[in-house]
Structure formats: structure tokens, C-alpha cells
Amino acid sequence: RASDIDVVWLNGYGWPAETGGPMFWADQVGA
């Protein structure tokens, strides 16, 4: 699922938690 990708990046690669992860953040940016 898409949210699993965020879990990977939040817990293994230091994606800033305040942005929710790459997929959550992408929704803020817009497709």
C-alpha cells in the first residue's frame, strides 16, 4: 500500500516526520 512507502522512508531514511513521508507530502504538493 502507498502508506507502507512512507513507513519505509520515515523509519529507514530520515524523511522528515512533520511532512508525513513522501506519499503524504506528495498529496500536499499535488499530482
PDB file of all heavy atoms in Angstrom:
ATOM      1  N   ARG A   1       0.858  -1.193   0.000  1.00  0.00           N
ATOM      2  CA  ARG A   1       0.000   0.000   0.000  1.00  0.00           C
ATOM      3  C   ARG A   1       0.888   1.235   0.000  1.00  0.00           C
ATOM      4  O   ARG A   1       2.064   1.176   0.377  1.00  0.00           O
ATOM      5  CB  ARG A   1      -0.921  -0.002   1.225  1.00  0.00           C
ATOM      6  CG  ARG A   1      -0.178  -0.111   2.535  1.00  0.00           C
ATOM      7  CD  ARG A   1      -1.113  -0.287   3.723  1.00  0.00           C
ATOM      8  NE  ARG A   1      -1.756  -1.594   3.763  1.00  0.00           N
ATOM      9  CZ  ARG A   1      -1.188  -2.681   4.315  1.00  0.00           C
ATOM     10  NH1 ARG A   1       0.035  -2.627   4.830  1.00  0.00           N
ATOM     11  NH2 ARG A   1      -1.837  -3.828   4.332  1.00  0.00           N
ATOM     12  N   ALA A   2       0.330   2.353  -0.400  1.00  0.00           N
ATOM     13  CA  ALA A   2       1.109   3.584  -0.505  1.00  0.00           C
ATOM     14  C   ALA A   2       1.674   4.017   0.840  1.00  0.00           C
ATOM     15  O   ALA A   2       2.816   4.492   0.929  1.00  0.00           O
ATOM     16  CB  ALA A   2       0.245   4.697  -1.099  1.00  0.00           C
ATOM     17  N   SER A   3       0.906   3.862   1.903  1.00  0.00           N
ATOM     18  CA  SER A   3       1.387   4.310   3.217  1.00  0.00           C
ATOM     19  C   SER A   3       2.593   3.512   3.695  1.00  0.00           C
ATOM     20  O   SER A   3       3.403   4.017   4.480  1.00  0.00           O
ATOM     21  CB  SER A   3       0.263   4.240   4.251  1.00  0.00           C
ATOM     22  OG  SER A   3      -0.207   2.913   4.411  1.00  0.00           O
ATOM     23  N   ASP A   4       2.753   2.260   3.215  1.00  0.00           N
ATOM     24  CA  ASP A   4       3.938   1.479   3.576  1.00  0.00           C
ATOM     25  C   ASP A   4       5.212   2.151   3.082  1.00  0.00           C
ATOM     26  O   ASP A   4       6.274   2.058   3.711  1.00  0.00           O
ATOM     27  CB  ASP A   4       3.856   0.067   2.978  1.00  0.00           C
ATOM     28  CG  ASP A   4       2.941  -0.861   3.766  1.00  0.00           C
ATOM     29  OD1 ASP A   4       2.291  -0.385   4.720  1.00  0.00           O
ATOM     30  OD2 ASP A   4       2.870  -2.055   3.424  1.00  0.00           O
ATOM     31  N   ILE A   5       5.106   2.815   1.942  1.00  0.00           N
ATOM     32  CA  ILE A   5       6.271   3.522   1.392  1.00  0.00           C
ATOM     33  C   ILE A   5       6.685   4.644   2.340  1.00  0.00           C
ATOM     34  O   ILE A   5       7.877   4.872   2.582  1.00  0.00           O
ATOM     35  CB  ILE A   5       5.944   4.053  -0.017  1.00  0.00           C
ATOM     36  CG1 ILE A   5       5.775   2.867  -0.978  1.00  0.00           C
ATOM     37  CG2 ILE A   5       7.024   5.013  -0.509  1.00  0.00           C
ATOM     38  CD1 ILE A   5       5.238   3.236  -2.340  1.00  0.00           C
ATOM     39  N   ASP A   6       5.706   5.326   2.918  1.00  0.00           N
ATOM     40  CA  ASP A   6       6.026   6.363   3.901  1.00  0.00           C
ATOM     41  C   ASP A   6       6.667   5.772   5.144  1.00  0.00           C
ATOM     42  O   ASP A   6       7.611   6.343   5.705  1.00  0.00           O
ATOM     43  CB  ASP A   6       4.760   7.135   4.277  1.00  0.00           C
ATOM     44  CG  ASP A   6       4.303   8.083   3.184  1.00  0.00           C
ATOM     45  OD1 ASP A   6       5.107   8.386   2.284  1.00  0.00           O
ATOM     46  OD2 ASP A   6       3.136   8.511   3.215  1.00  0.00           O
ATOM     47  N   VAL A   7       6.180   4.616   5.596  1.00  0.00           N
ATOM     48  CA  VAL A   7       6.761   3.976   6.780  1.00  0.00           C
ATOM     49  C   VAL A   7       8.227   3.637   6.527  1.00  0.00           C
ATOM     50  O   VAL A   7       9.086   3.827   7.400  1.00  0.00           O
ATOM     51  CB  VAL A   7       5.959   2.704   7.157  1.00  0.00           C
ATOM     52  CG1 VAL A   7       6.638   1.945   8.298  1.00  0.00           C
ATOM     53  CG2 VAL A   7       4.534   3.078   7.563  1.00  0.00           C
ATOM     54  N   VAL A   8       8.533   3.145   5.322  1.00  0.00           N
ATOM     55  CA  VAL A   8       9.921   2.841   4.971  1.00  0.00           C
ATOM     56  C   VAL A   8      10.791   4.091   5.073  1.00  0.00           C
ATOM     57  O   VAL A   8      11.849   4.095   5.713  1.00  0.00           O
ATOM     58  CB  VAL A   8      10.009   2.243   3.547  1.00  0.00           C
ATOM     59  CG1 VAL A   8      11.456   2.231   3.047  1.00  0.00           C
ATOM     60  CG2 VAL A   8       9.439   0.830   3.526  1.00  0.00           C
ATOM     61  N   TRP A   9      10.331   5.166   4.464  1.00  0.00           N
ATOM     62  CA  TRP A   9      11.163   6.357   4.398  1.00  0.00           C
ATOM     63  C   TRP A   9      11.248   7.124   5.723  1.00  0.00           C
ATOM     64  O   TRP A   9      12.256   7.755   6.023  1.00  0.00           O
ATOM     65  CB  TRP A   9      10.710   7.254   3.244  1.00  0.00           C
ATOM     66  CG  TRP A   9      11.488   6.858   2.025  1.00  0.00           C
ATOM     67  CD1 TRP A   9      11.208   5.843   1.159  1.00  0.00           C
ATOM     68  CD2 TRP A   9      12.732   7.402   1.622  1.00  0.00           C
ATOM     69  NE1 TRP A   9      12.200   5.734   0.232  1.00  0.00           N
ATOM     70  CE2 TRP A   9      13.149   6.681   0.485  1.00  0.00           C
ATOM     71  CE3 TRP A   9      13.534   8.436   2.088  1.00  0.00           C
ATOM     72  CZ2 TRP A   9      14.345   6.960  -0.176  1.00  0.00           C
ATOM     73  CZ3 TRP A   9      14.730   8.725   1.428  1.00  0.00           C
ATOM     74  CH2 TRP A   9      15.121   7.990   0.314  1.00  0.00           C
ATOM     75  N   LEU A  10      10.217   7.042   6.518  1.00  0.00           N
ATOM     76  CA  LEU A  10      10.241   7.693   7.829  1.00  0.00           C
ATOM     77  C   LEU A  10      11.162   6.970   8.803  1.00  0.00           C
ATOM     78  O   LEU A  10      11.834   7.605   9.620  1.00  0.00           O
ATOM     79  CB  LEU A  10       8.826   7.753   8.411  1.00  0.00           C
ATOM     80  CG  LEU A  10       7.853   8.725   7.738  1.00  0.00           C
ATOM     81  CD1 LEU A  10       6.424   8.410   8.147  1.00  0.00           C
ATOM     82  CD2 LEU A  10       8.202  10.174   8.081  1.00  0.00           C
ATOM     83  N   ASN A  11      11.226   5.645   8.698  1.00  0.00           N
ATOM     84  CA  ASN A  11      11.950   4.858   9.697  1.00  0.00           C
ATOM     85  C   ASN A  11      13.314   4.355   9.249  1.00  0.00           C
ATOM     86  O   ASN A  11      14.104   3.912  10.083  1.00  0.00           O
ATOM     87  CB  ASN A  11      11.088   3.668  10.134  1.00  0.00           C
ATOM     88  CG  ASN A  11       9.860   4.102  10.893  1.00  0.00           C
ATOM     89  OD1 ASN A  11       9.930   4.453  12.060  1.00  0.00           O
ATOM     90  ND2 ASN A  11       8.712   4.091  10.223  1.00  0.00           N
ATOM     91  N   GLY A  12      13.596   4.435   7.944  1.00  0.00           N
ATOM     92  CA  GLY A  12      14.876   3.939   7.468  1.00  0.00           C
ATOM     93  C   GLY A  12      15.757   4.962   6.799  1.00  0.00           C
ATOM     94  O   GLY A  12      16.969   4.749   6.671  1.00  0.00           O
ATOM     95  N   TYR A  13      15.187   6.091   6.390  1.00  0.00           N
ATOM     96  CA  TYR A  13      15.955   7.039   5.578  1.00  0.00           C
ATOM     97  C   TYR A  13      15.863   8.480   6.062  1.00  0.00           C
ATOM     98  O   TYR A  13      16.352   9.387   5.389  1.00  0.00           O
ATOM     99  CB  TYR A  13      15.489   6.957   4.118  1.00  0.00           C
ATOM    100  CG  TYR A  13      15.772   5.626   3.473  1.00  0.00           C
ATOM    101  CD1 TYR A  13      14.868   4.574   3.585  1.00  0.00           C
ATOM    102  CD2 TYR A  13      16.947   5.404   2.761  1.00  0.00           C
ATOM    103  CE1 TYR A  13      15.125   3.338   3.007  1.00  0.00           C
ATOM    104  CE2 TYR A  13      17.214   4.182   2.175  1.00  0.00           C
ATOM    105  CZ  TYR A  13      16.305   3.142   2.305  1.00  0.00           C
ATOM    106  OH  TYR A  13      16.563   1.927   1.734  1.00  0.00           O
ATOM    107  N   GLY A  14      15.219   8.689   7.195  1.00  0.00           N
ATOM    108  CA  GLY A  14      15.215  10.025   7.783  1.00  0.00           C
ATOM    109  C   GLY A  14      14.325  11.040   7.107  1.00  0.00           C
ATOM    110  O   GLY A  14      14.558  12.257   7.228  1.00  0.00           O
ATOM    111  N   TRP A  15      13.302  10.576   6.369  1.00  0.00           N
ATOM    112  CA  TRP A  15      12.362  11.555   5.804  1.00  0.00           C
ATOM    113  C   TRP A  15      11.747  12.336   6.963  1.00  0.00           C
ATOM    114  O   TRP A  15      11.315  11.755   7.951  1.00  0.00           O
ATOM    115  CB  TRP A  15      11.277  10.845   4.996  1.00  0.00           C
ATOM    116  CG  TRP A  15      10.396  11.805   4.254  1.00  0.00           C
ATOM    117  CD1 TRP A  15       9.394  12.566   4.787  1.00  0.00           C
ATOM    118  CD2 TRP A  15      10.455  12.139   2.870  1.00  0.00           C
ATOM    119  NE1 TRP A  15       8.819  13.353   3.815  1.00  0.00           N
ATOM    120  CE2 TRP A  15       9.442  13.113   2.620  1.00  0.00           C
ATOM    121  CE3 TRP A  15      11.239  11.704   1.791  1.00  0.00           C
ATOM    122  CZ2 TRP A  15       9.222  13.655   1.351  1.00  0.00           C
ATOM    123  CZ3 TRP A  15      11.018  12.251   0.529  1.00  0.00           C
ATOM    124  CH2 TRP A  15      10.017  13.213   0.322  1.00  0.00           C
ATOM    125  N   PRO A  16      11.688  13.663   6.873  1.00  0.00           N
ATOM    126  CA  PRO A  16      11.187  14.461   7.992  1.00  0.00           C
ATOM    127  C   PRO A  16       9.747  14.121   8.363  1.00  0.00           C
ATOM    128  O   PRO A  16       8.833  14.216   7.525  1.00  0.00           O
ATOM    129  CB  PRO A  16      11.318  15.904   7.492  1.00  0.00           C
ATOM    130  CG  PRO A  16      11.491  15.805   6.011  1.00  0.00           C
ATOM    131  CD  PRO A  16      12.141  14.497   5.738  1.00  0.00           C
ATOM    132  N   ALA A  17       9.558  13.709   9.607  1.00  0.00           N
ATOM    133  CA  ALA A  17       8.259  13.200  10.055  1.00  0.00           C
ATOM    134  C   ALA A  17       7.156  14.239   9.939  1.00  0.00           C
ATOM    135  O   ALA A  17       5.991  13.900   9.704  1.00  0.00           O
ATOM    136  CB  ALA A  17       8.369  12.701  11.494  1.00  0.00           C
ATOM    137  N   GLU A  18       7.504  15.508  10.081  1.00  0.00           N
ATOM    138  CA  GLU A  18       6.477  16.548  10.055  1.00  0.00           C
ATOM    139  C   GLU A  18       5.806  16.670   8.680  1.00  0.00           C
ATOM    140  O   GLU A  18       4.747  17.277   8.555  1.00  0.00           O
ATOM    141  CB  GLU A  18       7.054  17.894  10.477  1.00  0.00           C
ATOM    142  CG  GLU A  18       8.145  18.449   9.587  1.00  0.00           C
ATOM    143  CD  GLU A  18       9.543  17.971   9.960  1.00  0.00           C
ATOM    144  OE1 GLU A  18       9.666  16.979  10.712  1.00  0.00           O
ATOM    145  OE2 GLU A  18      10.520  18.606   9.503  1.00  0.00           O
ATOM    146  N   THR A  19       6.424  16.095   7.642  1.00  0.00           N
ATOM    147  CA  THR A  19       5.812  16.117   6.313  1.00  0.00           C
ATOM    148  C   THR A  19       5.074  14.815   6.019  1.00  0.00           C
ATOM    149  O   THR A  19       4.470  14.678   4.946  1.00  0.00           O
ATOM    150  CB  THR A  19       6.862  16.360   5.209  1.00  0.00           C
ATOM    151  OG1 THR A  19       7.685  15.193   5.079  1.00  0.00           O
ATOM    152  CG2 THR A  19       7.726  17.570   5.526  1.00  0.00           C
ATOM    153  N   GLY A  20       5.123  13.845   6.939  1.00  0.00           N
ATOM    154  CA  GLY A  20       4.322  12.624   6.818  1.00  0.00           C
ATOM    155  C   GLY A  20       4.884  11.537   5.938  1.00  0.00           C
ATOM    156  O   GLY A  20       4.325  10.454   5.867  1.00  0.00           O
ATOM    157  N   GLY A  21       5.998  11.781   5.239  1.00  0.00           N
ATOM    158  CA  GLY A  21       6.532  10.796   4.301  1.00  0.00           C
ATOM    159  C   GLY A  21       6.290  11.225   2.870  1.00  0.00           C
ATOM    160  O   GLY A  21       5.488  12.130   2.602  1.00  0.00           O
ATOM    161  N   PRO A  22       6.968  10.599   1.906  1.00  0.00           N
ATOM    162  CA  PRO A  22       6.889  11.076   0.516  1.00  0.00           C
ATOM    163  C   PRO A  22       5.492  11.046  -0.089  1.00  0.00           C
ATOM    164  O   PRO A  22       5.129  11.949  -0.854  1.00  0.00           O
ATOM    165  CB  PRO A  22       7.842  10.132  -0.244  1.00  0.00           C
ATOM    166  CG  PRO A  22       8.083   8.974   0.669  1.00  0.00           C
ATOM    167  CD  PRO A  22       7.934   9.491   2.054  1.00  0.00           C
ATOM    168  N   MET A  23       4.673  10.048   0.247  1.00  0.00           N
ATOM    169  CA  MET A  23       3.348   9.961  -0.367  1.00  0.00           C
ATOM    170  C   MET A  23       2.367  10.942   0.260  1.00  0.00           C
ATOM    171  O   MET A  23       1.571  11.589  -0.434  1.00  0.00           O
ATOM    172  CB  MET A  23       2.809   8.530  -0.273  1.00  0.00           C
ATOM    173  CG  MET A  23       3.730   7.490  -0.883  1.00  0.00           C
ATOM    174  SD  MET A  23       4.155   7.842  -2.611  1.00  0.00           S
ATOM    175  CE  MET A  23       2.766   7.111  -3.459  1.00  0.00           C
ATOM    176  N   PHE A  24       2.439  11.085   1.582  1.00  0.00           N
ATOM    177  CA  PHE A  24       1.600  12.070   2.272  1.00  0.00           C
ATOM    178  C   PHE A  24       1.973  13.472   1.790  1.00  0.00           C
ATOM    179  O   PHE A  24       1.106  14.302   1.496  1.00  0.00           O
ATOM    180  CB  PHE A  24       1.812  11.942   3.779  1.00  0.00           C
ATOM    181  CG  PHE A  24       0.914  12.812   4.616  1.00  0.00           C
ATOM    182  CD1 PHE A  24      -0.296  12.333   5.090  1.00  0.00           C
ATOM    183  CD2 PHE A  24       1.285  14.115   4.955  1.00  0.00           C
ATOM    184  CE1 PHE A  24      -1.127  13.139   5.868  1.00  0.00           C
ATOM    185  CE2 PHE A  24       0.470  14.929   5.726  1.00  0.00           C
ATOM    186  CZ  PHE A  24      -0.742  14.435   6.194  1.00  0.00           C
ATOM    187  N   TRP A  25       3.268  13.730   1.694  1.00  0.00           N
ATOM    188  CA  TRP A  25       3.759  15.031   1.231  1.00  0.00           C
ATOM    189  C   TRP A  25       3.339  15.295  -0.210  1.00  0.00           C
ATOM    190  O   TRP A  25       2.969  16.419  -0.569  1.00  0.00           O
ATOM    191  CB  TRP A  25       5.282  15.066   1.367  1.00  0.00           C
ATOM    192  CG  TRP A  25       5.960  16.239   0.742  1.00  0.00           C
ATOM    193  CD1 TRP A  25       5.958  17.528   1.174  1.00  0.00           C
ATOM    194  CD2 TRP A  25       6.770  16.216  -0.445  1.00  0.00           C
ATOM    195  NE1 TRP A  25       6.722  18.326   0.344  1.00  0.00           N
ATOM    196  CE2 TRP A  25       7.228  17.537  -0.659  1.00  0.00           C
ATOM    197  CE3 TRP A  25       7.163  15.229  -1.332  1.00  0.00           C
ATOM    198  CZ2 TRP A  25       8.051  17.875  -1.730  1.00  0.00           C
ATOM    199  CZ3 TRP A  25       7.983  15.555  -2.400  1.00  0.00           C
ATOM    200  CH2 TRP A  25       8.414  16.872  -2.593  1.00  0.00           C
ATOM    201  N   ALA A  26       3.370  14.236  -1.047  1.00  0.00           N
ATOM    202  CA  ALA A  26       3.004  14.406  -2.451  1.00  0.00           C
ATOM    203  C   ALA A  26       1.571  14.894  -2.585  1.00  0.00           C
ATOM    204  O   ALA A  26       1.248  15.657  -3.513  1.00  0.00           O
ATOM    205  CB  ALA A  26       3.181  13.089  -3.203  1.00  0.00           C
ATOM    206  N   ASP A  27       0.703  14.485  -1.673  1.00  0.00           N
ATOM    207  CA  ASP A  27      -0.672  14.977  -1.708  1.00  0.00           C
ATOM    208  C   ASP A  27      -0.747  16.470  -1.421  1.00  0.00           C
ATOM    209  O   ASP A  27      -1.642  17.164  -1.917  1.00  0.00           O
ATOM    210  CB  ASP A  27      -1.545  14.213  -0.703  1.00  0.00           C
ATOM    211  CG  ASP A  27      -2.097  12.922  -1.281  1.00  0.00           C
ATOM    212  OD1 ASP A  27      -2.166  12.806  -2.519  1.00  0.00           O
ATOM    213  OD2 ASP A  27      -2.450  12.028  -0.494  1.00  0.00           O
ATOM    214  N   GLN A  28       0.177  16.955  -0.602  1.00  0.00           N
ATOM    215  CA  GLN A  28       0.193  18.400  -0.331  1.00  0.00           C
ATOM    216  C   GLN A  28       0.703  19.167  -1.555  1.00  0.00           C
ATOM    217  O   GLN A  28       0.248  20.285  -1.837  1.00  0.00           O
ATOM    218  CB  GLN A  28       1.096  18.715   0.880  1.00  0.00           C
ATOM    219  CG  GLN A  28       0.959  17.771   2.075  1.00  0.00           C
ATOM    220  CD  GLN A  28      -0.465  17.586   2.532  1.00  0.00           C
ATOM    221  OE1 GLN A  28      -1.199  18.554   2.710  1.00  0.00           O
ATOM    222  NE2 GLN A  28      -0.861  16.330   2.734  1.00  0.00           N
ATOM    223  N   VAL A  29       1.642  18.572  -2.267  1.00  0.00           N
ATOM    224  CA  VAL A  29       2.196  19.220  -3.461  1.00  0.00           C
ATOM    225  C   VAL A  29       1.173  19.196  -4.593  1.00  0.00           C
ATOM    226  O   VAL A  29       0.959  20.192  -5.296  1.00  0.00           O
ATOM    227  CB  VAL A  29       3.497  18.501  -3.901  1.00  0.00           C
ATOM    228  CG1 VAL A  29       4.003  19.077  -5.233  1.00  0.00           C
ATOM    229  CG2 VAL A  29       4.572  18.628  -2.823  1.00  0.00           C
ATOM    230  N   GLY A  30       0.564  18.023  -4.797  1.00  0.00           N
ATOM    231  CA  GLY A  30      -0.414  17.855  -5.862  1.00  0.00           C
ATOM    232  C   GLY A  30       0.156  17.125  -7.066  1.00  0.00           C
ATOM    233  O   GLY A  30       1.270  17.425  -7.525  1.00  0.00           O
ATOM    234  N   ALA A  31      -0.597  16.180  -7.575  1.00  0.00           N
ATOM    235  CA  ALA A  31      -0.147  15.379  -8.712  1.00  0.00           C
ATOM    236  C   ALA A  31       0.141  16.215  -9.959  1.00  0.00           C
ATOM    237  O   ALA A  31       1.119  15.935 -10.667  1.00  0.00           O
ATOM    238  CB  ALA A  31      -1.172  14.288  -9.016  1.00  0.00           C
TER     239      ALA A  31
END
